[in-house]
PDB file of N, CA and C in Angstrom:
ATOM      1  N   MET A   1     -11.449  17.484 -10.979  1.00  0.00           N
ATOM      2  CA  MET A   1     -12.465  15.962 -10.574  1.00  0.00           C
ATOM      3  C   MET A   1     -11.685  14.646 -11.057  1.00  0.00           C
ATOM      4  N   ILE A   2     -12.297  13.833 -10.508  1.00  0.00           N
ATOM      5  CA  ILE A   2     -11.163  12.375 -10.793  1.00  0.00           C
ATOM      6  C   ILE A   2     -11.706  11.985 -12.145  1.00  0.00           C
ATOM      7  N   ASP A   3     -10.824  11.526 -12.865  1.00  0.00           N
ATOM      8  CA  ASP A   3     -10.884  10.334 -13.912  1.00  0.00           C
ATOM      9  C   ASP A   3     -11.204   9.360 -13.948  1.00  0.00           C
ATOM     10  N   ARG A   4     -12.109   9.010 -14.007  1.00  0.00           N
ATOM     11  CA  ARG A   4     -13.408   7.170 -13.683  1.00  0.00           C
ATOM     12  C   ARG A   4     -12.026   6.269 -14.547  1.00  0.00           C
ATOM     13  N   ASN A   5     -11.379   6.538 -16.001  1.00  0.00           N
ATOM     14  CA  ASN A   5     -11.080   6.143 -16.788  1.00  0.00           C
ATOM     15  C   ASN A   5      -9.504   5.666 -16.325  1.00  0.00           C
ATOM     16  N   LYS A   6      -9.215   7.025 -15.739  1.00  0.00           N
ATOM     17  CA  LYS A   6      -7.571   6.821 -15.706  1.00  0.00           C
ATOM     18  C   LYS A   6      -6.970   5.762 -14.602  1.00  0.00           C
ATOM     19  N   GLY A   7      -7.906   5.593 -13.326  1.00  0.00           N
ATOM     20  CA  GLY A   7      -7.896   4.321 -12.560  1.00  0.00           C
ATOM     21  C   GLY A   7      -6.417   4.032 -12.030  1.00  0.00           C
ATOM     22  N   LEU A   8      -6.490   2.708 -11.698  1.00  0.00           N
ATOM     23  CA  LEU A   8      -5.563   2.076 -11.074  1.00  0.00           C
ATOM     24  C   LEU A   8      -4.847   0.797 -11.639  1.00  0.00           C
ATOM     25  N   LYS A   9      -3.563   0.912 -11.728  1.00  0.00           N
ATOM     26  CA  LYS A   9      -3.281  -0.601 -12.139  1.00  0.00           C
ATOM     27  C   LYS A   9      -2.400  -1.221 -10.984  1.00  0.00           C
ATOM     28  N   TYR A  10      -2.251  -2.463 -10.710  1.00  0.00           N
ATOM     29  CA  TYR A  10      -1.695  -2.907  -9.646  1.00  0.00           C
ATOM     30  C   TYR A  10      -1.257  -4.376  -9.983  1.00  0.00           C
ATOM     31  N   SER A  11       0.013  -4.791  -9.467  1.00  0.00           N
ATOM     32  CA  SER A  11       0.428  -6.150  -9.542  1.00  0.00           C
ATOM     33  C   SER A  11       1.179  -6.485  -8.429  1.00  0.00           C
ATOM     34  N   PHE A  12       0.992  -7.932  -8.277  1.00  0.00           N
ATOM     35  CA  PHE A  12       1.526  -8.453  -6.890  1.00  0.00           C
ATOM     36  C   PHE A  12       2.696  -9.305  -7.303  1.00  0.00           C
ATOM     37  N   GLU A  13       3.458  -8.996  -6.398  1.00  0.00           N
ATOM     38  CA  GLU A  13       5.044  -9.912  -7.041  1.00  0.00           C
ATOM     39  C   GLU A  13       5.941 -10.781  -5.917  1.00  0.00           C
ATOM     40  N   GLN A  14       5.529 -11.846  -6.134  1.00  0.00           N
ATOM     41  CA  GLN A  14       5.702 -12.910  -4.652  1.00  0.00           C
ATOM     42  C   GLN A  14       7.458 -12.496  -4.941  1.00  0.00           C
ATOM     43  N   ARG A  15       7.739 -12.575  -3.466  1.00  0.00           N
ATOM     44  CA  ARG A  15       9.354 -12.652  -3.243  1.00  0.00           C
ATOM     45  C   ARG A  15       9.458 -13.718  -2.083  1.00  0.00           C
ATOM     46  N   ASP A  16      10.475 -14.075  -2.021  1.00  0.00           N
ATOM     47  CA  ASP A  16      10.749 -15.037  -0.640  1.00  0.00           C
ATOM     48  C   ASP A  16       9.862 -14.618   0.546  1.00  0.00           C
ATOM     49  N   GLY A  17       8.946 -15.177   1.034  1.00  0.00           N
ATOM     50  CA  GLY A  17       8.494 -14.837   2.194  1.00  0.00           C
ATOM     51  C   GLY A  17       7.538 -13.225   2.533  1.00  0.00           C
ATOM     52  N   TYR A  18       7.245 -12.772   1.578  1.00  0.00           N
ATOM     53  CA  TYR A  18       6.422 -11.575   1.052  1.00  0.00           C
ATOM     54  C   TYR A  18       6.287 -11.233  -0.005  1.00  0.00           C
ATOM     55  N   VAL A  19       5.058 -10.233  -0.360  1.00  0.00           N
ATOM     56  CA  VAL A  19       4.378 -10.033  -1.488  1.00  0.00           C
ATOM     57  C   VAL A  19       4.677  -8.475  -1.628  1.00  0.00           C
ATOM     58  N   VAL A  20       5.517  -7.667  -3.282  1.00  0.00           N
ATOM     59  CA  VAL A  20       5.516  -6.610  -3.087  1.00  0.00           C
ATOM     60  C   VAL A  20       4.016  -5.766  -4.128  1.00  0.00           C
ATOM     61  N   VAL A  21       3.641  -4.938  -3.747  1.00  0.00           N
ATOM     62  CA  VAL A  21       2.260  -4.924  -4.542  1.00  0.00           C
ATOM     63  C   VAL A  21       2.823  -3.556  -4.930  1.00  0.00           C
ATOM     64  N   HIS A  22       2.556  -3.129  -6.290  1.00  0.00           N
ATOM     65  CA  HIS A  22       2.638  -2.595  -7.365  1.00  0.00           C
ATOM     66  C   HIS A  22       1.902  -1.584  -7.689  1.00  0.00           C
ATOM     67  N   LEU A  23       1.578  -0.273  -7.553  1.00  0.00           N
ATOM     68  CA  LEU A  23       0.385   0.248  -7.664  1.00  0.00           C
ATOM     69  C   LEU A  23       0.793   1.741  -8.715  1.00  0.00           C
ATOM     70  N   VAL A  24      -0.123   1.528  -9.524  1.00  0.00           N
ATOM     71  CA  VAL A  24       0.336   2.535 -10.959  1.00  0.00           C
ATOM     72  C   VAL A  24      -0.894   3.226 -11.000  1.00  0.00           C
ATOM     73  N   GLY A  25      -0.999   4.495 -10.812  1.00  0.00           N
ATOM     74  CA  GLY A  25      -1.884   5.722 -11.366  1.00  0.00           C
ATOM     75  C   GLY A  25      -2.719   6.021 -10.484  1.00  0.00           C
ATOM     76  N   ASP A  26      -3.938   6.237 -10.199  1.00  0.00           N
ATOM     77  CA  ASP A  26      -5.021   7.203  -9.335  1.00  0.00           C
ATOM     78  C   ASP A  26      -5.615   5.791  -8.363  1.00  0.00           C
ATOM     79  N   LEU A  27      -5.111   6.164  -6.775  1.00  0.00           N
ATOM     80  CA  LEU A  27      -5.734   5.359  -6.018  1.00  0.00           C
ATOM     81  C   LEU A  27      -7.137   5.787  -5.351  1.00  0.00           C
ATOM     82  N   ASN A  28      -8.092   6.128  -6.188  1.00  0.00           N
ATOM     83  CA  ASN A  28      -9.407   6.816  -5.683  1.00  0.00           C
ATOM     84  C   ASN A  28     -10.592   6.137  -5.013  1.00  0.00           C
ATOM     85  N   MET A  29     -11.780   6.791  -5.336  1.00  0.00           N
ATOM     86  CA  MET A  29     -13.011   5.810  -4.561  1.00  0.00           C
ATOM     87  C   MET A  29     -13.496   4.792  -5.555  1.00  0.00           C
ATOM     88  N   PHE A  30     -12.984   4.891  -6.816  1.00  0.00           N
ATOM     89  CA  PHE A  30     -13.645   4.159  -7.727  1.00  0.00           C
ATOM     90  C   PHE A  30     -12.407   2.784  -7.601  1.00  0.00           C
ATOM     91  N   SER A  31     -11.272   2.910  -7.444  1.00  0.00           N
ATOM     92  CA  SER A  31     -10.116   1.807  -7.420  1.00  0.00           C
ATOM     93  C   SER A  31      -9.928   1.095  -6.008  1.00  0.00           C
ATOM     94  N   ALA A  32     -10.080   1.895  -5.335  1.00  0.00           N
ATOM     95  CA  ALA A  32      -9.431   1.425  -3.824  1.00  0.00           C
ATOM     96  C   ALA A  32     -10.450   0.214  -3.151  1.00  0.00           C
ATOM     97  N   PRO A  33     -11.542   0.039  -3.627  1.00  0.00           N
ATOM     98  CA  PRO A  33     -12.241  -1.556  -3.179  1.00  0.00           C
ATOM     99  C   PRO A  33     -12.065  -2.357  -3.712  1.00  0.00           C
ATOM    100  N   GLU A  34     -11.718  -2.624  -5.415  1.00  0.00           N
ATOM    101  CA  GLU A  34     -11.274  -3.517  -6.132  1.00  0.00           C
ATOM    102  C   GLU A  34      -9.655  -3.860  -5.207  1.00  0.00           C
ATOM    103  N   LEU A  35      -8.670  -2.996  -5.060  1.00  0.00           N
ATOM    104  CA  LEU A  35      -7.633  -3.111  -4.604  1.00  0.00           C
ATOM    105  C   LEU A  35      -7.765  -3.934  -3.011  1.00  0.00           C
ATOM    106  N   ARG A  36      -8.581  -2.747  -2.209  1.00  0.00           N
ATOM    107  CA  ARG A  36      -8.762  -3.702  -0.673  1.00  0.00           C
ATOM    108  C   ARG A  36      -8.571  -5.403  -0.883  1.00  0.00           C
ATOM    109  N   THR A  37     -10.036  -5.698  -2.211  1.00  0.00           N
ATOM    110  CA  THR A  37     -10.390  -6.750  -1.938  1.00  0.00           C
ATOM    111  C   THR A  37      -9.374  -7.709  -2.131  1.00  0.00           C
ATOM    112  N   GLN A  38      -8.189  -7.584  -3.107  1.00  0.00           N
ATOM    113  CA  GLN A  38      -7.230  -8.281  -3.602  1.00  0.00           C
ATOM    114  C   GLN A  38      -6.418  -8.443  -2.623  1.00  0.00           C
ATOM    115  N   LEU A  39      -6.202  -7.133  -1.720  1.00  0.00           N
ATOM    116  CA  LEU A  39      -5.274  -7.189  -0.650  1.00  0.00           C
ATOM    117  C   LEU A  39      -5.718  -8.160   0.766  1.00  0.00           C
ATOM    118  N   VAL A  40      -6.726  -7.987   0.682  1.00  0.00           N
ATOM    119  CA  VAL A  40      -7.426  -9.117   1.893  1.00  0.00           C
ATOM    120  C   VAL A  40      -7.553 -10.675   1.320  1.00  0.00           C
ATOM    121  N   ALA A  41      -7.977 -11.173   0.034  1.00  0.00           N
ATOM    122  CA  ALA A  41      -7.113 -11.990  -0.366  1.00  0.00           C
ATOM    123  C   ALA A  41      -6.208 -12.644  -0.586  1.00  0.00           C
ATOM    124  N   LYS A  42      -4.872 -12.115  -0.692  1.00  0.00           N
ATOM    125  CA  LYS A  42      -3.379 -12.389  -0.558  1.00  0.00           C
ATOM    126  C   LYS A  42      -3.568 -12.391   1.218  1.00  0.00           C
ATOM    127  N   LEU A  43      -4.063 -11.839   2.041  1.00  0.00           N
ATOM    128  CA  LEU A  43      -3.513 -11.863   3.424  1.00  0.00           C
ATOM    129  C   LEU A  43      -4.372 -13.316   3.976  1.00  0.00           C
ATOM    130  N   ASP A  44      -6.211 -13.317   3.311  1.00  0.00           N
ATOM    131  CA  ASP A  44      -6.648 -14.997   3.838  1.00  0.00           C
ATOM    132  C   ASP A  44      -5.791 -15.791   3.266  1.00  0.00           C
ATOM    133  N   SER A  45      -5.292 -15.935   1.792  1.00  0.00           N
ATOM    134  CA  SER A  45      -4.673 -16.955   1.731  1.00  0.00           C
ATOM    135  C   SER A  45      -2.966 -17.309   2.413  1.00  0.00           C
ATOM    136  N   GLY A  46      -3.019 -16.358   3.583  1.00  0.00           N
ATOM    137  CA  GLY A  46      -1.775 -16.975   4.166  1.00  0.00           C
ATOM    138  C   GLY A  46      -0.131 -16.021   3.829  1.00  0.00           C
ATOM    139  N   VAL A  47      -0.486 -14.924   3.339  1.00  0.00           N
ATOM    140  CA  VAL A  47       0.643 -13.722   2.947  1.00  0.00           C
ATOM    141  C   VAL A  47       0.352 -12.771   4.089  1.00  0.00           C
ATOM    142  N   LEU A  48       1.815 -12.782   4.971  1.00  0.00           N
ATOM    143  CA  LEU A  48       1.266 -12.184   5.736  1.00  0.00           C
ATOM    144  C   LEU A  48       2.542 -10.305   5.918  1.00  0.00           C
ATOM    145  N   LYS A  49       2.981 -10.745   4.884  1.00  0.00           N
ATOM    146  CA  LYS A  49       3.955  -9.491   4.695  1.00  0.00           C
ATOM    147  C   LYS A  49       3.748  -8.810   3.324  1.00  0.00           C
ATOM    148  N   PHE A  50       3.999  -7.452   3.302  1.00  0.00           N
ATOM    149  CA  PHE A  50       3.844  -6.744   2.027  1.00  0.00           C
ATOM    150  C   PHE A  50       4.470  -5.382   2.194  1.00  0.00           C
ATOM    151  N   ILE A  51       4.908  -5.122   0.937  1.00  0.00           N
ATOM    152  CA  ILE A  51       5.396  -4.171   0.250  1.00  0.00           C
ATOM    153  C   ILE A  51       4.807  -3.418  -0.268  1.00  0.00           C
ATOM    154  N   ILE A  52       3.975  -2.067  -0.059  1.00  0.00           N
ATOM    155  CA  ILE A  52       3.208  -0.963  -0.945  1.00  0.00           C
ATOM    156  C   ILE A  52       4.240  -0.397  -1.770  1.00  0.00           C
ATOM    157  N   ASN A  53       4.286  -0.762  -2.833  1.00  0.00           N
ATOM    158  CA  ASN A  53       5.158   0.099  -3.882  1.00  0.00           C
ATOM    159  C   ASN A  53       4.359   1.386  -4.383  1.00  0.00           C
ATOM    160  N   LEU A  54       4.444   2.715  -3.883  1.00  0.00           N
ATOM    161  CA  LEU A  54       3.848   3.563  -4.321  1.00  0.00           C
ATOM    162  C   LEU A  54       4.757   4.518  -5.312  1.00  0.00           C
ATOM    163  N   THR A  55       5.764   4.170  -5.743  1.00  0.00           N
ATOM    164  CA  THR A  55       6.784   4.729  -6.749  1.00  0.00           C
ATOM    165  C   THR A  55       5.806   5.396  -7.647  1.00  0.00           C
ATOM    166  N   GLU A  56       5.064   4.744  -8.397  1.00  0.00           N
ATOM    167  CA  GLU A  56       4.228   4.843  -9.603  1.00  0.00           C
ATOM    168  C   GLU A  56       2.739   5.832  -9.446  1.00  0.00           C
ATOM    169  N   LEU A  57       2.364   5.718  -8.159  1.00  0.00           N
ATOM    170  CA  LEU A  57       1.591   5.984  -7.866  1.00  0.00           C
ATOM    171  C   LEU A  57       1.246   7.728  -8.087  1.00  0.00           C
ATOM    172  N   THR A  58       0.113   8.486  -8.427  1.00  0.00           N
ATOM    173  CA  THR A  58      -0.172   9.354  -9.058  1.00  0.00           C
ATOM    174  C   THR A  58      -1.004  10.688  -8.389  1.00  0.00           C
ATOM    175  N   PHE A  59      -1.996   9.791  -7.444  1.00  0.00           N
ATOM    176  CA  PHE A  59      -2.669  10.558  -6.710  1.00  0.00           C
ATOM    177  C   PHE A  59      -3.822   9.361  -6.260  1.00  0.00           C
ATOM    178  N   VAL A  60      -4.022   9.954  -4.809  1.00  0.00           N
ATOM    179  CA  VAL A  60      -4.474   9.473  -3.770  1.00  0.00           C
ATOM    180  C   VAL A  60      -5.467  10.070  -2.966  1.00  0.00           C
ATOM    181  N   ASP A  61      -6.614   9.446  -2.892  1.00  0.00           N
ATOM    182  CA  ASP A  61      -7.691  10.358  -2.169  1.00  0.00           C
ATOM    183  C   ASP A  61      -8.154   9.770  -0.655  1.00  0.00           C
ATOM    184  N   SER A  62      -9.083  10.302  -0.292  1.00  0.00           N
ATOM    185  CA  SER A  62      -9.371  10.265   1.011  1.00  0.00           C
ATOM    186  C   SER A  62      -9.832   8.362   1.210  1.00  0.00           C
ATOM    187  N   SER A  63     -10.327   8.079   0.077  1.00  0.00           N
ATOM    188  CA  SER A  63     -10.590   6.792  -0.171  1.00  0.00           C
ATOM    189  C   SER A  63      -9.821   5.865  -0.461  1.00  0.00           C
ATOM    190  N   GLY A  64      -8.759   6.282  -1.222  1.00  0.00           N
ATOM    191  CA  GLY A  64      -7.381   5.167  -1.528  1.00  0.00           C
ATOM    192  C   GLY A  64      -6.824   5.258   0.401  1.00  0.00           C
ATOM    193  N   ILE A  65      -6.394   6.494   1.086  1.00  0.00           N
ATOM    194  CA  ILE A  65      -6.079   6.449   2.239  1.00  0.00           C
ATOM    195  C   ILE A  65      -6.472   5.721   3.413  1.00  0.00           C
ATOM    196  N   GLY A  66      -8.032   5.467   3.400  1.00  0.00           N
ATOM    197  CA  GLY A  66      -8.732   4.497   3.538  1.00  0.00           C
ATOM    198  C   GLY A  66      -8.225   3.336   3.750  1.00  0.00           C
ATOM    199  N   ILE A  67      -8.646   2.977   2.562  1.00  0.00           N
ATOM    200  CA  ILE A  67      -7.932   1.131   2.686  1.00  0.00           C
ATOM    201  C   ILE A  67      -7.095   1.297   2.744  1.00  0.00           C
ATOM    202  N   LEU A  68      -5.842   1.994   2.668  1.00  0.00           N
ATOM    203  CA  LEU A  68      -4.828   1.160   3.240  1.00  0.00           C
ATOM    204  C   LEU A  68      -4.435   1.673   4.738  1.00  0.00           C
ATOM    205  N   VAL A  69      -5.206   2.356   5.236  1.00  0.00           N
ATOM    206  CA  VAL A  69      -5.469   2.346   6.602  1.00  0.00           C
ATOM    207  C   VAL A  69      -6.098   1.044   7.467  1.00  0.00           C
ATOM    208  N   SER A  70      -7.244   0.855   6.961  1.00  0.00           N
ATOM    209  CA  SER A  70      -7.755  -0.513   7.029  1.00  0.00           C
ATOM    210  C   SER A  70      -6.972  -1.656   6.961  1.00  0.00           C
ATOM    211  N   PHE A  71      -6.171  -1.639   5.802  1.00  0.00           N
ATOM    212  CA  PHE A  71      -5.606  -2.781   5.638  1.00  0.00           C
ATOM    213  C   PHE A  71      -4.845  -3.071   6.537  1.00  0.00           C
ATOM    214  N   VAL A  72      -3.795  -1.800   7.112  1.00  0.00           N
ATOM    215  CA  VAL A  72      -2.779  -2.139   8.096  1.00  0.00           C
ATOM    216  C   VAL A  72      -3.200  -2.789   9.478  1.00  0.00           C
ATOM    217  N   SER A  73      -4.527  -2.277   9.606  1.00  0.00           N
ATOM    218  CA  SER A  73      -5.274  -2.574  10.937  1.00  0.00           C
ATOM    219  C   SER A  73      -5.978  -4.190  10.903  1.00  0.00           C
ATOM    220  N   LEU A  74      -6.076  -4.424   9.759  1.00  0.00           N
ATOM    221  CA  LEU A  74      -6.217  -5.487   9.841  1.00  0.00           C
ATOM    222  C   LEU A  74      -5.231  -6.824   9.557  1.00  0.00           C
ATOM    223  N   THR A  75      -4.661  -6.280   9.069  1.00  0.00           N
ATOM    224  CA  THR A  75      -2.922  -7.145   9.188  1.00  0.00           C
ATOM    225  C   THR A  75      -2.566  -6.916  10.289  1.00  0.00           C
ATOM    226  N   LYS A  76      -2.441  -6.027  11.456  1.00  0.00           N
ATOM    227  CA  LYS A  76      -2.177  -5.854  12.868  1.00  0.00           C
ATOM    228  C   LYS A  76      -2.796  -7.216  13.500  1.00  0.00           C
ATOM    229  N   LYS A  77      -3.769  -7.620  13.578  1.00  0.00           N
ATOM    230  CA  LYS A  77      -4.699  -8.592  14.083  1.00  0.00           C
ATOM    231  C   LYS A  77      -3.728 -10.375  13.365  1.00  0.00           C
ATOM    232  N   LYS A  78      -3.280 -10.266  12.677  1.00  0.00           N
ATOM    233  CA  LYS A  78      -1.990 -11.651  12.167  1.00  0.00           C
ATOM    234  C   LYS A  78      -0.525 -11.247  12.896  1.00  0.00           C
ATOM    235  N   THR A  79      -0.795 -12.574  13.379  1.00  0.00           N
ATOM    236  CA  THR A  79       0.816 -12.295  14.312  1.00  0.00           C
ATOM    237  C   THR A  79       1.763 -12.608  13.246  1.00  0.00           C
ATOM    238  N   ASP A  80       2.627 -11.862  13.266  1.00  0.00           N
ATOM    239  CA  ASP A  80       3.810 -11.549  12.360  1.00  0.00           C
ATOM    240  C   ASP A  80       3.872 -11.130  11.039  1.00  0.00           C
ATOM    241  N   SER A  81       2.618 -10.280  10.815  1.00  0.00           N
ATOM    242  CA  SER A  81       1.983  -9.492   9.516  1.00  0.00           C
ATOM    243  C   SER A  81       2.829  -8.195   9.805  1.00  0.00           C
ATOM    244  N   LYS A  82       2.953  -7.729   8.803  1.00  0.00           N
ATOM    245  CA  LYS A  82       3.702  -6.362   8.777  1.00  0.00           C
ATOM    246  C   LYS A  82       3.624  -5.799   7.076  1.00  0.00           C
ATOM    247  N   VAL A  83       3.253  -4.407   6.999  1.00  0.00           N
ATOM    248  CA  VAL A  83       2.908  -3.394   5.871  1.00  0.00           C
ATOM    249  C   VAL A  83       3.929  -2.828   6.159  1.00  0.00           C
ATOM    250  N   ILE A  84       4.784  -2.813   4.679  1.00  0.00           N
ATOM    251  CA  ILE A  84       5.626  -1.590   4.680  1.00  0.00           C
ATOM    252  C   ILE A  84       5.690  -0.510   3.305  1.00  0.00           C
ATOM    253  N   LEU A  85       5.404   0.595   3.630  1.00  0.00           N
ATOM    254  CA  LEU A  85       4.884   1.529   2.113  1.00  0.00           C
ATOM    255  C   LEU A  85       6.280   2.191   1.589  1.00  0.00           C
ATOM    256  N   CYS A  86       6.515   1.988   0.648  1.00  0.00           N
ATOM    257  CA  CYS A  86       7.854   2.865  -0.345  1.00  0.00           C
ATOM    258  C   CYS A  86       7.405   3.441  -1.214  1.00  0.00           C
ATOM    259  N   GLY A  87       8.278   4.362  -1.580  1.00  0.00           N
ATOM    260  CA  GLY A  87       8.270   5.034  -2.670  1.00  0.00           C
ATOM    261  C   GLY A  87       7.077   6.350  -2.751  1.00  0.00           C
ATOM    262  N   LEU A  88       6.824   6.776  -2.100  1.00  0.00           N
ATOM    263  CA  LEU A  88       6.141   7.848  -1.749  1.00  0.00           C
ATOM    264  C   LEU A  88       6.745   8.953  -2.496  1.00  0.00           C
ATOM    265  N   ASN A  89       5.854   9.754  -3.595  1.00  0.00           N
ATOM    266  CA  ASN A  89       6.608  10.766  -4.269  1.00  0.00           C
ATOM    267  C   ASN A  89       6.086  12.284  -3.178  1.00  0.00           C
ATOM    268  N   GLN A  90       6.599  13.540  -3.390  1.00  0.00           N
ATOM    269  CA  GLN A  90       6.575  14.172  -2.266  1.00  0.00           C
ATOM    270  C   GLN A  90       5.099  14.480  -2.469  1.00  0.00           C
ATOM    271  N   GLN A  91       4.289  14.686  -3.069  1.00  0.00           N
ATOM    272  CA  GLN A  91       2.832  15.176  -2.971  1.00  0.00           C
ATOM    273  C   GLN A  91       2.008  14.125  -2.574  1.00  0.00           C
ATOM    274  N   ILE A  92       2.393  12.926  -2.729  1.00  0.00           N
ATOM    275  CA  ILE A  92       1.732  11.260  -1.629  1.00  0.00           C
ATOM    276  C   ILE A  92       2.524  11.827  -0.354  1.00  0.00           C
ATOM    277  N   ARG A  93       3.553  12.080   0.047  1.00  0.00           N
ATOM    278  CA  ARG A  93       3.997  12.353   1.132  1.00  0.00           C
ATOM    279  C   ARG A  93       3.781  13.277   1.783  1.00  0.00           C
ATOM    280  N   ASN A  94       3.439  14.630   1.130  1.00  0.00           N
ATOM    281  CA  ASN A  94       2.956  15.556   2.417  1.00  0.00           C
ATOM    282  C   ASN A  94       1.494  15.460   2.366  1.00  0.00           C
ATOM    283  N   ILE A  95       0.345  14.575   2.067  1.00  0.00           N
ATOM    284  CA  ILE A  95      -0.904  14.104   1.948  1.00  0.00           C
ATOM    285  C   ILE A  95      -0.529  13.375   3.355  1.00  0.00           C
ATOM    286  N   PHE A  96       0.042  12.490   3.717  1.00  0.00           N
ATOM    287  CA  PHE A  96       0.283  11.567   4.558  1.00  0.00           C
ATOM    288  C   PHE A  96       0.790  12.138   5.718  1.00  0.00           C
ATOM    289  N   GLU A  97       1.316  13.676   5.355  1.00  0.00           N
ATOM    290  CA  GLU A  97       1.994  14.239   6.660  1.00  0.00           C
ATOM    291  C   GLU A  97       1.466  15.175   7.137  1.00  0.00           C
ATOM    292  N   VAL A  98       0.383  15.973   6.201  1.00  0.00           N
ATOM    293  CA  VAL A  98      -0.437  16.470   6.729  1.00  0.00           C
ATOM    294  C   VAL A  98      -1.799  16.010   7.361  1.00  0.00           C
ATOM    295  N   THR A  99      -2.027  15.158   7.299  1.00  0.00           N
ATOM    296  CA  THR A  99      -2.991  13.950   8.090  1.00  0.00           C
ATOM    297  C   THR A  99      -2.378  13.172   9.042  1.00  0.00           C
ATOM    298  N   ARG A 100      -1.413  13.320   9.295  1.00  0.00           N
ATOM    299  CA  ARG A 100      -0.321  12.792  10.557  1.00  0.00           C
ATOM    300  C   ARG A 100      -0.690  11.563  10.595  1.00  0.00           C
ATOM    301  N   LEU A 101      -1.043  10.762   9.105  1.00  0.00           N
ATOM    302  CA  LEU A 101      -0.870   9.286   9.195  1.00  0.00           C
ATOM    303  C   LEU A 101       0.204   8.734   8.523  1.00  0.00           C
ATOM    304  N   ILE A 102       1.614   9.795   8.379  1.00  0.00           N
ATOM    305  CA  ILE A 102       2.537   9.012   8.360  1.00  0.00           C
ATOM    306  C   ILE A 102       3.285   8.351   9.167  1.00  0.00           C
ATOM    307  N   SER A 103       2.622   8.534  10.502  1.00  0.00           N
ATOM    308  CA  SER A 103       3.068   7.631  11.748  1.00  0.00           C
ATOM    309  C   SER A 103       2.462   6.651  11.881  1.00  0.00           C
ATOM    310  N   VAL A 104       1.242   6.086  11.107  1.00  0.00           N
ATOM    311  CA  VAL A 104       0.636   4.903  11.101  1.00  0.00           C
ATOM    312  C   VAL A 104       0.910   3.824  10.326  1.00  0.00           C
ATOM    313  N   PHE A 105       2.040   4.585   9.591  1.00  0.00           N
ATOM    314  CA  PHE A 105       2.828   4.159   8.322  1.00  0.00           C
ATOM    315  C   PHE A 105       4.271   3.558   8.655  1.00  0.00           C
ATOM    316  N   ASN A 106       4.563   2.299   7.903  1.00  0.00           N
ATOM    317  CA  ASN A 106       6.013   1.989   8.390  1.00  0.00           C
ATOM    318  C   ASN A 106       6.390   2.521   6.705  1.00  0.00           C
ATOM    319  N   VAL A 107       6.544   3.538   6.899  1.00  0.00           N
ATOM    320  CA  VAL A 107       7.390   4.404   5.702  1.00  0.00           C
ATOM    321  C   VAL A 107       8.809   3.802   5.011  1.00  0.00           C
ATOM    322  N   LEU A 108       9.078   3.449   4.109  1.00  0.00           N
ATOM    323  CA  LEU A 108      10.339   3.483   3.666  1.00  0.00           C
ATOM    324  C   LEU A 108      10.722   4.148   2.560  1.00  0.00           C
ATOM    325  N   ASP A 109      12.103   4.216   1.944  1.00  0.00           N
ATOM    326  CA  ASP A 109      12.058   5.380   0.524  1.00  0.00           C
ATOM    327  C   ASP A 109      12.017   4.420  -0.373  1.00  0.00           C
ATOM    328  N   THR A 110      12.706   2.884  -0.553  1.00  0.00           N
ATOM    329  CA  THR A 110      12.816   2.235  -1.910  1.00  0.00           C
ATOM    330  C   THR A 110      12.364   0.728  -1.266  1.00  0.00           C
ATOM    331  N   ILE A 111      12.076  -0.062  -2.352  1.00  0.00           N
ATOM    332  CA  ILE A 111      11.740  -1.392  -2.301  1.00  0.00           C
ATOM    333  C   ILE A 111      12.964  -2.254  -1.478  1.00  0.00           C
ATOM    334  N   GLU A 112      13.853  -1.493  -1.760  1.00  0.00           N
ATOM    335  CA  GLU A 112      14.974  -2.265  -1.308  1.00  0.00           C
ATOM    336  C   GLU A 112      15.724  -2.549   0.103  1.00  0.00           C
ATOM    337  N   ASP A 113      15.210  -1.069   0.945  1.00  0.00           N
ATOM    338  CA  ASP A 113      14.948  -0.792   2.301  1.00  0.00           C
ATOM    339  C   ASP A 113      14.013  -1.545   2.761  1.00  0.00           C
ATOM    340  N   ALA A 114      12.955  -1.284   2.160  1.00  0.00           N
ATOM    341  CA  ALA A 114      11.559  -2.517   2.949  1.00  0.00           C
ATOM    342  C   ALA A 114      12.174  -3.832   2.473  1.00  0.00           C
ATOM    343  N   SER A 115      12.394  -4.330   1.715  1.00  0.00           N
ATOM    344  CA  SER A 115      13.144  -5.481   1.689  1.00  0.00           C
ATOM    345  C   SER A 115      14.208  -5.874   2.982  1.00  0.00           C
ATOM    346  N   ALA A 116      14.925  -5.106   2.852  1.00  0.00           N
ATOM    347  CA  ALA A 116      15.948  -5.385   3.958  1.00  0.00           C
ATOM    348  C   ALA A 116      15.119  -5.331   5.085  1.00  0.00           C
ATOM    349  N   GLN A 117      14.284  -4.624   5.900  1.00  0.00           N
ATOM    350  CA  GLN A 117      13.756  -4.882   6.742  1.00  0.00           C
ATOM    351  C   GLN A 117      12.633  -5.969   7.079  1.00  0.00           C
ATOM    352  N   LEU A 118      12.139  -6.704   5.963  1.00  0.00           N
ATOM    353  CA  LEU A 118      11.277  -7.232   6.349  1.00  0.00           C
ATOM    354  C   LEU A 118      12.222  -8.670   6.607  1.00  0.00           C
ATOM    355  N   LYS A 119      13.079  -8.598   5.919  1.00  0.00           N
ATOM    356  CA  LYS A 119      14.245  -9.917   6.029  1.00  0.00           C
ATOM    357  C   LYS A 119      14.977 -10.341   7.517  1.00  0.00           C
ATOM    358  N   HIS A 120      15.133  -9.250   8.364  1.00  0.00           N
ATOM    359  CA  HIS A 120      15.517  -9.074   9.960  1.00  0.00           C
ATOM    360  C   HIS A 120      14.481  -9.358  10.763  1.00  0.00           C
TER     361      HIS A 120
END
């Protein structure tokens, strides 16, 4: 059963030309809508490039995956936008591979790899 109280903590780190979104905890049906609202607000404010750091994400359900998919789709409508996921642990990587969503996302191992790709 999903623990409503465990939830998700997230922070936005502004870097030169992009934002790193750090996710900690559980991205589930309770926490996903608020995260989506915050991501869309950043996009609407003019941020076009995002690294979503999943290093400390411990759980993701279909609602969480849905938010990530919809956000990537939304950013593709904006010129010069890009979303990179990084830091997937093996459990979360398996979910993305089994659902065949790994090909939908640009996935890199580390924030450093993602930063380097955004700078090109």
